């Protein structure tokens, strides 16, 4: 189905919010479930929380690969949907499934065959290795279920079924929490399995989500969940997918690994800095919920419009997305400001840590605006036109040639105070603005990447 010709800014705003609101709701549910998981694991013990956190660091790497693959799918599928070519979208789905399942199967094999070796990468404590290894073994099948569902839900979002995708994700997350409670506390006669139960709950919830995807597929939403296209060769499409997905994966990995180094830097500045930063991360994620929703919606809507062949409307939509990113960034900062008194009054920290926490929260009141704008443009608007290489170059230079070295020098060479180090690390989003805005206003990203003929 070809999108209706956009007649005004009001129509574009409406289309963006129709896509963004379900994604924002999904982010809210996700944040709530993650908080519930931590609270329930607290009853198992500190070792359980630490082990699962470390094990999920390994799973997080797989997530970044799948997120990049989903981005590659979205770049192509959104534009082909704008063009009205559902047949090619099924081929894109097949390519995405091929790559996603390859990564997930390799990950699952590693989790089952060498779980202790994987845990040793993150810790040398035997008790954490033992607990985390069991977790990895039982979560392994869920990685495969998750890979299939992630690809199909990415397709659903691109063909206008955002609400359906959000419901599927919400069902999986809520099921996960309920089963966690059953297996952790031994409800309804179930055994108390601790961390193993958490892994089993995750795997079952992802399987239920996959069943949901299959049921949606049977309802004929426009594109079916099919595996036959996995075994077909589409050289041009595969070339397009690889050229767009690989830089996106590299971009996301460069960004996430840099943030891991930020945590390592603060981790060597004392327990007070670590404790304050861990709480700030939770509050910042709550503030960024709307920002990430707008960024995801931007990639879909701008991509659909460019796929229609309307470059001018695509550029107009991109500018509207930027304005929304500025607004949601300000709102996100206000969320942090509103939550600050509650956070400070309920945080069981030392006076020094509370002082750090208050300063870090104030920094994030404005820092979220930088995150919102950059995420919307780099991961949303630019990628909508197939431009994922700019973000890779930008983040490698900004984070690995500027922010990480600056943080290391400030902390370990000049031995500056914790507050100064944190402030310097939080300049990373704003340092890249001149290049990001220059690229945005050049409109070089606004391209129709669809092909007239698919092999």
Protein backbone atom coordinates (compact mmCIF):
# COMPACT_ATOMS: atom_id res chain seq x y z
CA UNK A 1 0.00 0.00 0.00
CA UNK A 2 1.43 3.33 -1.05
CA UNK A 3 1.32 6.05 1.61
CA UNK A 4 -1.09 8.90 1.00
CA UNK A 5 0.57 12.04 -0.28
CA UNK A 6 1.47 14.25 2.68
CA UNK A 7 -0.40 17.56 2.52
CA UNK A 8 0.91 19.38 5.55
CA UNK A 9 2.98 19.33 8.69
CA UNK A 10 -0.03 18.23 10.74
CA UNK A 11 -0.23 14.99 8.76
CA UNK A 12 3.47 14.28 9.30
CA UNK A 13 3.24 14.96 13.02
CA UNK A 14 0.29 12.60 13.25
CA UNK A 15 2.06 9.82 11.36
CA UNK A 16 5.15 10.14 13.56
CA UNK A 17 3.17 10.00 16.80
CA UNK A 18 1.06 7.07 15.62
CA UNK A 19 4.29 5.12 15.26
CA UNK A 20 6.12 6.62 18.25
CA UNK A 21 3.47 6.20 20.97
CA UNK A 22 3.32 2.37 20.87
CA UNK A 23 7.13 2.25 20.89
CA UNK A 24 7.21 4.63 23.88
CA UNK A 25 4.69 2.39 25.66
CA UNK A 26 6.89 -0.60 24.91
CA UNK A 27 9.89 1.24 26.38
CA UNK A 28 7.91 2.06 29.53
CA UNK A 29 6.93 -1.59 29.98
CA UNK A 30 10.50 -2.68 29.33
CA UNK A 31 11.85 -0.29 31.97
CA UNK A 32 9.23 -1.43 34.49
CA UNK A 33 9.99 -5.12 33.86
CA UNK A 34 13.74 -4.60 34.22
CA UNK A 35 13.17 -2.88 37.56
CA UNK A 36 10.90 -5.74 38.69
CA UNK A 37 13.53 -8.31 37.71
CA UNK A 38 16.16 -6.59 39.87
CA UNK A 39 13.77 -6.34 42.82
CA UNK A 40 12.90 -10.05 42.61
CA UNK A 41 16.52 -11.14 42.20
CA UNK A 42 17.28 -9.17 45.33
CA UNK A 43 15.47 -11.90 47.25
CA UNK A 44 17.83 -14.52 45.81
CA UNK A 45 20.94 -12.63 46.85
CA UNK A 46 23.59 -10.14 45.78
CA UNK A 47 25.60 -12.84 43.99
CA UNK A 48 22.57 -13.66 41.86
CA UNK A 49 22.11 -10.03 40.83
CA UNK A 50 25.81 -9.67 40.00
CA UNK A 51 26.02 -12.95 38.06
CA UNK A 52 22.92 -12.23 35.95
CA UNK A 53 24.15 -8.70 35.29
CA UNK A 54 27.50 -10.02 34.03
CA UNK A 55 25.89 -12.79 31.98
CA UNK A 56 23.55 -10.27 30.39
CA UNK A 57 26.59 -8.25 29.36
CA UNK A 58 27.41 -11.14 27.04
CA UNK A 59 23.80 -11.37 25.88
CA UNK A 60 23.89 -7.60 25.34
CA UNK A 61 26.58 -8.01 22.68
CA UNK A 62 24.25 -10.37 20.80
CA UNK A 63 21.46 -7.83 21.26
CA UNK A 64 23.60 -5.16 19.59
CA UNK A 65 24.14 -7.41 16.58
CA UNK A 66 20.41 -8.15 16.35
CA UNK A 67 19.59 -4.46 16.78
CA UNK A 68 21.92 -3.64 13.89
CA UNK A 69 20.33 -6.33 11.76
CA UNK A 70 16.91 -4.91 12.66
CA UNK A 71 18.15 -1.49 11.56
CA UNK A 72 19.24 -2.90 8.21
CA UNK A 73 15.82 -4.47 7.82
CA UNK A 74 14.06 -1.22 8.73
CA UNK A 75 16.10 0.86 6.26
CA UNK A 76 15.04 -1.34 3.36
CA UNK A 77 11.58 -2.47 4.47
CA UNK A 78 10.33 1.04 5.33
CA UNK A 79 11.31 2.38 1.93
CA UNK A 80 9.89 -0.59 0.01
CA UNK A 81 6.67 -0.20 2.00
CA UNK A 82 6.53 3.43 0.92
CA UNK A 83 6.98 2.16 -2.62
CA UNK A 84 4.18 -0.38 -2.08
CA UNK A 85 6.40 -3.41 -2.76
CA UNK A 86 5.43 -6.05 -0.16
CA UNK A 87 6.95 -8.88 -2.18
CA UNK A 88 10.43 -7.38 -1.84
CA UNK A 89 9.84 -6.84 1.89
CA UNK A 90 9.38 -10.62 2.25
CA UNK A 91 12.77 -11.06 0.58
CA UNK A 92 14.28 -8.52 3.00
CA UNK A 93 12.73 -10.51 5.84
CA UNK A 94 14.39 -13.68 4.54
CA UNK A 95 17.79 -11.98 4.43
CA UNK A 96 17.27 -10.63 7.97
CA UNK A 97 16.29 -14.08 9.26
CA UNK A 98 19.35 -15.61 7.65
CA UNK A 99 21.74 -13.21 9.38
CA UNK A 100 19.87 -13.06 12.70
CA UNK A 101 19.57 -16.83 13.05
CA UNK A 102 23.24 -17.31 12.15
CA UNK A 103 24.27 -14.94 14.96
CA UNK A 104 21.74 -16.35 17.45
CA UNK A 105 22.64 -19.99 16.78
CA UNK A 106 26.35 -19.28 17.20
CA UNK A 107 25.58 -17.42 20.42
CA UNK A 108 23.40 -20.24 21.72
CA UNK A 109 26.06 -22.85 20.93
CA UNK A 110 28.66 -20.79 22.80
CA UNK A 111 26.35 -20.37 25.81
CA UNK A 112 25.72 -24.11 25.99
CA UNK A 113 29.22 -25.40 25.20
CA UNK A 114 31.52 -22.92 26.98
CA UNK A 115 29.40 -20.94 29.47
CA UNK A 116 32.09 -20.86 32.15
CA UNK A 117 34.67 -19.55 29.69
CA UNK A 118 32.29 -16.77 28.68
CA UNK A 119 31.75 -15.82 32.33
CA UNK A 120 35.51 -15.80 32.95
CA UNK A 121 35.76 -12.89 30.51
CA UNK A 122 33.84 -10.74 32.98
CA UNK A 123 34.82 -12.09 36.39
CA UNK A 124 37.33 -14.33 38.15
CA UNK A 125 35.08 -15.05 41.14
CA UNK A 126 34.11 -18.73 41.06
CA UNK A 127 30.73 -18.25 42.69
CA UNK A 128 29.67 -15.75 40.02
CA UNK A 129 31.06 -17.94 37.25
CA UNK A 130 29.04 -20.93 38.51
CA UNK A 131 25.77 -19.01 38.79
CA UNK A 132 26.20 -17.13 35.50
CA UNK A 133 27.14 -20.30 33.59
CA UNK A 134 23.85 -21.97 34.58
CA UNK A 135 21.97 -18.87 33.50
CA UNK A 136 23.63 -18.85 30.05
CA UNK A 137 22.88 -22.54 29.43
CA UNK A 138 19.15 -22.17 30.06
CA UNK A 139 18.76 -18.85 28.24
CA UNK A 140 20.45 -20.18 25.06
CA UNK A 141 17.30 -21.53 23.32
CA UNK A 142 15.54 -18.23 23.99
CA UNK A 143 18.17 -16.42 21.93
CA UNK A 144 17.01 -18.29 18.82
CA UNK A 145 13.31 -17.62 19.50
CA UNK A 146 14.16 -13.97 20.14
CA UNK A 147 16.10 -13.60 16.86
CA UNK A 148 13.14 -14.79 14.76
CA UNK A 149 10.62 -12.62 16.62
CA UNK A 150 12.88 -9.55 16.45
CA UNK A 151 13.12 -9.76 12.67
CA UNK A 152 9.37 -10.19 12.16
CA UNK A 153 8.46 -7.43 14.63
CA UNK A 154 10.84 -5.09 12.80
CA UNK A 155 8.96 -5.91 9.60
CA UNK A 156 5.60 -5.31 11.29
CA UNK A 157 6.69 -1.86 12.47
CA UNK A 158 7.80 -0.94 8.96
CA UNK A 159 4.48 -1.96 7.36
CA UNK A 160 2.40 0.11 9.76
CA UNK A 161 1.66 -2.61 12.36
CA UNK A 162 3.48 -0.86 15.19
CA UNK A 163 0.73 -1.51 17.74
CA UNK A 164 0.81 -5.24 16.94
CA UNK A 165 4.57 -5.33 17.43
CA UNK A 166 4.23 -3.50 20.75
CA UNK A 167 1.58 -5.92 21.99
CA UNK A 168 3.80 -8.89 21.10
CA UNK A 169 6.72 -7.36 23.01
CA UNK A 170 4.51 -6.45 25.97
CA UNK A 171 3.14 -10.00 26.17
CA UNK A 172 6.68 -11.40 26.25
CA UNK A 173 7.87 -8.95 28.91
CA UNK A 174 4.85 -9.36 31.19
CA UNK A 175 5.00 -13.15 30.82
CA UNK A 176 8.67 -12.97 31.72
CA UNK A 177 7.97 -11.09 34.97
CA UNK A 178 5.14 -13.43 35.98
CA UNK A 179 7.23 -16.54 35.34
CA UNK A 180 10.19 -14.99 37.16
CA UNK A 181 7.97 -14.64 40.23
CA UNK A 182 6.77 -18.23 39.90
CA UNK A 183 10.26 -19.73 39.62
CA UNK A 184 12.01 -17.40 42.08
CA UNK A 185 9.45 -17.66 44.87
CA UNK A 186 8.15 -21.16 44.06
CA UNK A 187 4.56 -20.07 43.49
CA UNK A 188 1.74 -22.51 42.60
CA UNK A 189 3.84 -25.48 43.67
CA UNK A 190 6.72 -24.69 41.30
CA UNK A 191 10.27 -25.35 42.54
CA UNK A 192 12.41 -22.39 43.68
CA UNK A 193 14.99 -22.31 40.90
CA UNK A 194 16.65 -18.95 41.54
CA UNK A 195 18.77 -17.66 38.68
CA UNK A 196 18.08 -20.80 36.61
CA UNK A 197 14.38 -20.02 36.90
CA UNK A 198 14.97 -16.49 35.59
CA UNK A 199 16.68 -17.92 32.49
CA UNK A 200 13.90 -20.48 31.97
CA UNK A 201 11.28 -17.73 32.33
CA UNK A 202 13.05 -15.62 29.70
CA UNK A 203 13.26 -18.55 27.27
CA UNK A 204 9.58 -19.48 27.74
CA UNK A 205 8.48 -15.86 27.30
CA UNK A 206 10.42 -15.55 24.05
CA UNK A 207 8.88 -18.81 22.81
CA UNK A 208 5.40 -17.48 23.59
CA UNK A 209 6.31 -14.30 21.73
CA UNK A 210 7.34 -16.38 18.70
CA UNK A 211 4.01 -18.24 18.82
CA UNK A 212 2.32 -14.83 18.87
CA UNK A 213 4.27 -13.80 15.76
CA UNK A 214 3.12 -16.95 13.98
CA UNK A 215 -0.50 -16.25 14.92
CA UNK A 216 -0.21 -12.69 13.62
CA UNK A 217 1.33 -14.04 10.42
CA UNK A 218 -1.67 -16.36 9.90
CA UNK A 219 -3.97 -13.32 10.11
CA UNK A 220 -2.32 -12.05 6.91
CA UNK A 221 -1.13 -8.59 8.06
CA UNK A 222 0.54 -7.91 4.70
CA UNK A 223 3.84 -9.76 5.12
CA UNK A 224 3.93 -13.32 6.43
CA UNK A 225 6.53 -14.85 8.73
CA UNK A 226 8.10 -17.25 6.27
CA UNK A 227 11.40 -19.09 6.16
CA UNK A 228 11.42 -20.01 2.47
CA UNK A 229 13.04 -16.72 1.42
CA UNK A 230 16.00 -17.53 3.69
CA UNK A 231 17.14 -20.10 1.18
CA UNK A 232 16.77 -17.85 -1.85
CA UNK A 233 19.60 -15.73 -3.24
CA UNK A 234 18.97 -12.05 -3.88
CA UNK A 235 22.43 -10.67 -4.57
CA UNK A 236 21.54 -7.00 -4.96
CA UNK A 237 19.29 -6.96 -1.88
CA UNK A 238 21.90 -8.81 0.17
CA UNK A 239 24.52 -6.32 -0.97
CA UNK A 240 22.25 -3.42 0.05
CA UNK A 241 21.51 -5.05 3.40
CA UNK A 242 25.15 -5.73 4.26
CA UNK A 243 26.33 -2.27 3.22
CA UNK A 244 23.74 -0.68 5.53
CA UNK A 245 23.50 -3.13 8.43
CA UNK A 246 27.22 -3.66 9.02
CA UNK A 247 28.03 0.04 9.66
CA UNK A 248 24.93 0.25 11.89
CA UNK A 249 26.13 -2.74 13.94
CA UNK A 250 29.60 -1.20 14.18
CA UNK A 251 28.08 2.14 15.22
CA UNK A 252 25.98 0.59 17.99
CA UNK A 253 28.87 -1.52 19.27
CA UNK A 254 31.25 1.47 19.28
CA UNK A 255 28.70 3.50 21.22
CA UNK A 256 27.85 0.79 23.79
CA UNK A 257 31.47 -0.22 24.37
CA UNK A 258 32.42 3.42 24.97
CA UNK A 259 29.76 3.66 27.66
CA UNK A 260 31.20 0.50 29.22
CA UNK A 261 34.58 2.26 29.39
CA UNK A 262 32.88 5.27 31.02
CA UNK A 263 31.63 2.90 33.74
CA UNK A 264 35.12 1.39 34.12
CA UNK A 265 36.64 4.87 34.54
CA UNK A 266 34.11 5.81 37.22
CA UNK A 267 34.52 2.36 38.77
CA UNK A 268 38.16 3.15 39.54
CA UNK A 269 37.24 6.41 41.26
CA UNK A 270 35.67 4.73 44.27
CA UNK A 271 32.48 3.01 45.42
CA UNK A 272 30.70 6.31 45.96
CA UNK A 273 31.10 7.25 42.28
CA UNK A 274 30.01 3.76 41.17
CA UNK A 275 26.90 3.76 43.36
CA UNK A 276 25.87 7.25 42.23
CA UNK A 277 26.41 6.42 38.55
CA UNK A 278 24.38 3.19 38.77
CA UNK A 279 21.35 5.11 40.06
CA UNK A 280 21.83 7.91 37.53
CA UNK A 281 21.76 5.39 34.68
CA UNK A 282 18.31 4.16 35.77
CA UNK A 283 16.91 7.70 36.03
CA UNK A 284 18.48 8.75 32.70
CA UNK A 285 16.91 5.75 30.94
CA UNK A 286 13.50 6.82 32.23
CA UNK A 287 14.13 10.32 30.88
CA UNK A 288 15.12 8.94 27.47
CA UNK A 289 11.98 6.81 26.93
CA UNK A 290 10.25 9.38 24.69
CA UNK A 291 13.52 10.28 22.94
CA UNK A 292 14.12 6.70 21.81
CA UNK A 293 10.51 6.37 20.69
CA UNK A 294 10.80 9.43 18.45
CA UNK A 295 14.12 8.16 17.05
CA UNK A 296 12.59 4.80 16.08
CA UNK A 297 9.53 6.45 14.57
CA UNK A 298 11.75 8.85 12.61
CA UNK A 299 13.57 5.99 10.90
CA UNK A 300 10.30 4.35 9.85
CA UNK A 301 8.30 7.39 8.72
CA UNK A 302 11.12 9.20 6.90
CA UNK A 303 12.10 5.91 5.24
CA UNK A 304 8.55 5.29 4.03
CA UNK A 305 8.28 8.78 2.55
CA UNK A 306 11.66 8.55 0.79
CA UNK A 307 10.65 5.16 -0.58
CA UNK A 308 7.61 6.80 -2.16
CA UNK A 309 10.06 8.85 -4.21
CA UNK A 310 9.18 12.14 -2.49
CA UNK A 311 12.56 13.52 -1.43
CA UNK A 312 11.19 16.96 -0.49
CA UNK A 313 8.56 15.46 1.83
CA UNK A 314 11.23 13.17 3.28
CA UNK A 315 13.42 16.16 4.10
CA UNK A 316 10.42 18.00 5.56
CA UNK A 317 9.65 14.98 7.76
CA UNK A 318 13.28 14.88 8.86
CA UNK A 319 13.12 18.51 10.01
CA UNK A 320 9.90 17.81 11.92
CA UNK A 321 11.55 14.82 13.59
CA UNK A 322 14.43 17.06 14.67
CA UNK A 323 12.01 19.53 16.25
CA UNK A 324 10.27 16.70 18.09
CA UNK A 325 13.66 15.41 19.27
CA UNK A 326 14.44 18.83 20.77
CA UNK A 327 11.07 18.91 22.55
CA UNK A 328 11.31 15.33 23.88
CA UNK A 329 14.89 16.02 24.98
CA UNK A 330 13.68 18.96 27.07
CA UNK A 331 10.82 16.85 28.46
CA UNK A 332 13.28 14.07 29.30
CA UNK A 333 15.42 16.55 31.22
CA UNK A 334 12.37 17.75 33.13
CA UNK A 335 11.55 14.12 34.01
CA UNK A 336 14.99 13.80 35.59
CA UNK A 337 14.45 17.10 37.43
CA UNK A 338 11.07 15.96 38.78
CA UNK A 339 12.45 12.58 39.87
CA UNK A 340 15.50 14.16 41.55
CA UNK A 341 13.96 14.86 45.01
CA UNK A 342 12.45 11.36 45.18
CA UNK A 343 15.71 9.75 44.04
CA UNK A 344 17.86 11.67 46.51
CA UNK A 345 15.50 11.01 49.44
CA UNK A 346 15.20 7.25 48.82
CA UNK A 347 18.79 6.44 47.83
CA UNK A 348 20.61 4.58 50.61
CA UNK A 349 24.01 6.14 49.92
CA UNK A 350 26.81 7.77 51.87
CA UNK A 351 26.80 11.59 52.09
CA UNK A 352 29.63 11.72 49.51
CA UNK A 353 27.75 9.45 47.10
CA UNK A 354 24.59 11.54 47.54
CA UNK A 355 26.60 14.63 46.66
CA UNK A 356 27.88 12.93 43.49
CA UNK A 357 24.35 11.73 42.68
CA UNK A 358 22.87 15.21 42.94
CA UNK A 359 25.53 16.65 40.63
CA UNK A 360 25.18 13.82 38.08
CA UNK A 361 21.40 14.21 37.99
CA UNK A 362 21.74 17.94 37.29
CA UNK A 363 24.17 17.19 34.45
CA UNK A 364 21.66 14.76 32.92
CA UNK A 365 18.91 17.39 32.95
CA UNK A 366 20.60 18.91 29.88
CA UNK A 367 22.62 15.88 28.71
CA UNK A 368 19.45 14.09 27.62
CA UNK A 369 18.83 16.84 25.05
CA UNK A 370 22.10 15.93 23.34
CA UNK A 371 21.22 12.25 23.43
CA UNK A 372 17.74 12.91 22.03
CA UNK A 373 18.90 14.98 19.04
CA UNK A 374 21.82 12.70 18.12
CA UNK A 375 19.81 9.49 18.44
CA UNK A 376 16.98 10.89 16.34
CA UNK A 377 19.28 12.09 13.56
CA UNK A 378 22.01 9.42 13.52
CA UNK A 379 19.96 6.30 14.35
CA UNK A 380 16.67 7.55 12.91
CA UNK A 381 16.68 10.10 10.11
CA UNK A 382 20.09 9.34 8.56
CA UNK A 383 19.52 5.58 8.59
CA UNK A 384 16.08 6.13 7.01
CA UNK A 385 17.93 7.14 3.86
CA UNK A 386 20.35 4.21 4.11
CA UNK A 387 23.10 6.37 5.63
CA UNK A 388 24.55 4.31 8.50
CA UNK A 389 28.23 5.00 7.73
CA UNK A 390 28.12 8.59 8.98
CA UNK A 391 27.08 7.49 12.47
CA UNK A 392 29.86 4.90 12.60
CA UNK A 393 32.53 7.45 11.68
CA UNK A 394 31.04 10.10 13.97
CA UNK A 395 30.90 7.91 17.10
CA UNK A 396 34.32 6.34 16.56
CA UNK A 397 35.92 9.79 16.33
CA UNK A 398 33.80 11.44 19.03
CA UNK A 399 33.85 8.67 21.62
CA UNK A 400 37.10 6.81 20.97
CA UNK A 401 39.31 9.70 19.83
CA UNK A 402 37.82 12.30 22.17
CA UNK A 403 35.62 11.23 25.12
CA UNK A 404 37.33 7.99 26.20
CA UNK A 405 40.91 9.41 26.07
CA UNK A 406 39.70 12.60 27.78
CA UNK A 407 38.08 10.61 30.57
CA UNK A 408 41.17 8.42 31.05
CA UNK A 409 43.50 11.44 31.16
CA UNK A 410 41.23 13.36 33.53
CA UNK A 411 40.83 10.43 35.92
CA UNK A 412 44.23 8.73 35.93
CA UNK A 413 46.80 11.28 34.69
CA UNK A 414 45.54 14.60 36.01
CA UNK A 415 43.55 12.91 38.82
CA UNK A 416 40.75 15.45 38.64
CA UNK A 417 37.77 15.30 41.03
CA UNK A 418 34.95 12.85 40.28
CA UNK A 419 32.51 15.62 39.35
CA UNK A 420 34.92 17.10 36.80
CA UNK A 421 35.59 13.70 35.24
CA UNK A 422 31.86 12.98 34.94
CA UNK A 423 31.18 16.41 33.44
CA UNK A 424 33.92 15.91 30.82
CA UNK A 425 32.55 12.48 29.87
CA UNK A 426 29.13 14.06 29.39
CA UNK A 427 30.39 16.48 26.76
CA UNK A 428 30.51 13.69 24.16
CA UNK A 429 26.98 14.24 22.79
CA UNK A 430 27.52 17.97 22.25
CA UNK A 431 31.00 17.76 20.70
CA UNK A 432 29.55 15.87 17.72
CA UNK A 433 26.75 18.40 17.11
CA UNK A 434 28.62 20.58 14.56
CA UNK A 435 29.25 17.58 12.28
CA UNK A 436 25.79 16.05 12.88
CA UNK A 437 23.95 19.29 12.07
CA UNK A 438 26.17 19.99 9.06
CA UNK A 439 25.38 16.54 7.67
CA UNK A 440 21.68 16.93 8.44
CA UNK A 441 21.31 20.30 6.72
CA UNK A 442 23.28 19.08 3.69
CA UNK A 443 20.37 16.67 3.06
CA UNK A 444 22.82 14.14 1.59
CA UNK A 445 21.13 11.45 3.70
CA UNK A 446 17.79 11.88 1.88
CA UNK A 447 18.01 9.06 -0.66
CA UNK A 448 15.62 6.55 -2.17
CA UNK A 449 17.47 3.24 -1.75
CA UNK A 450 14.85 1.01 -3.40
CA UNK A 451 15.55 -0.77 -6.67
CA UNK A 452 13.21 -0.98 -9.64
CA UNK A 453 14.13 -4.58 -10.36
CA UNK A 454 15.09 -7.19 -7.76
CA UNK A 455 17.07 -10.23 -8.85
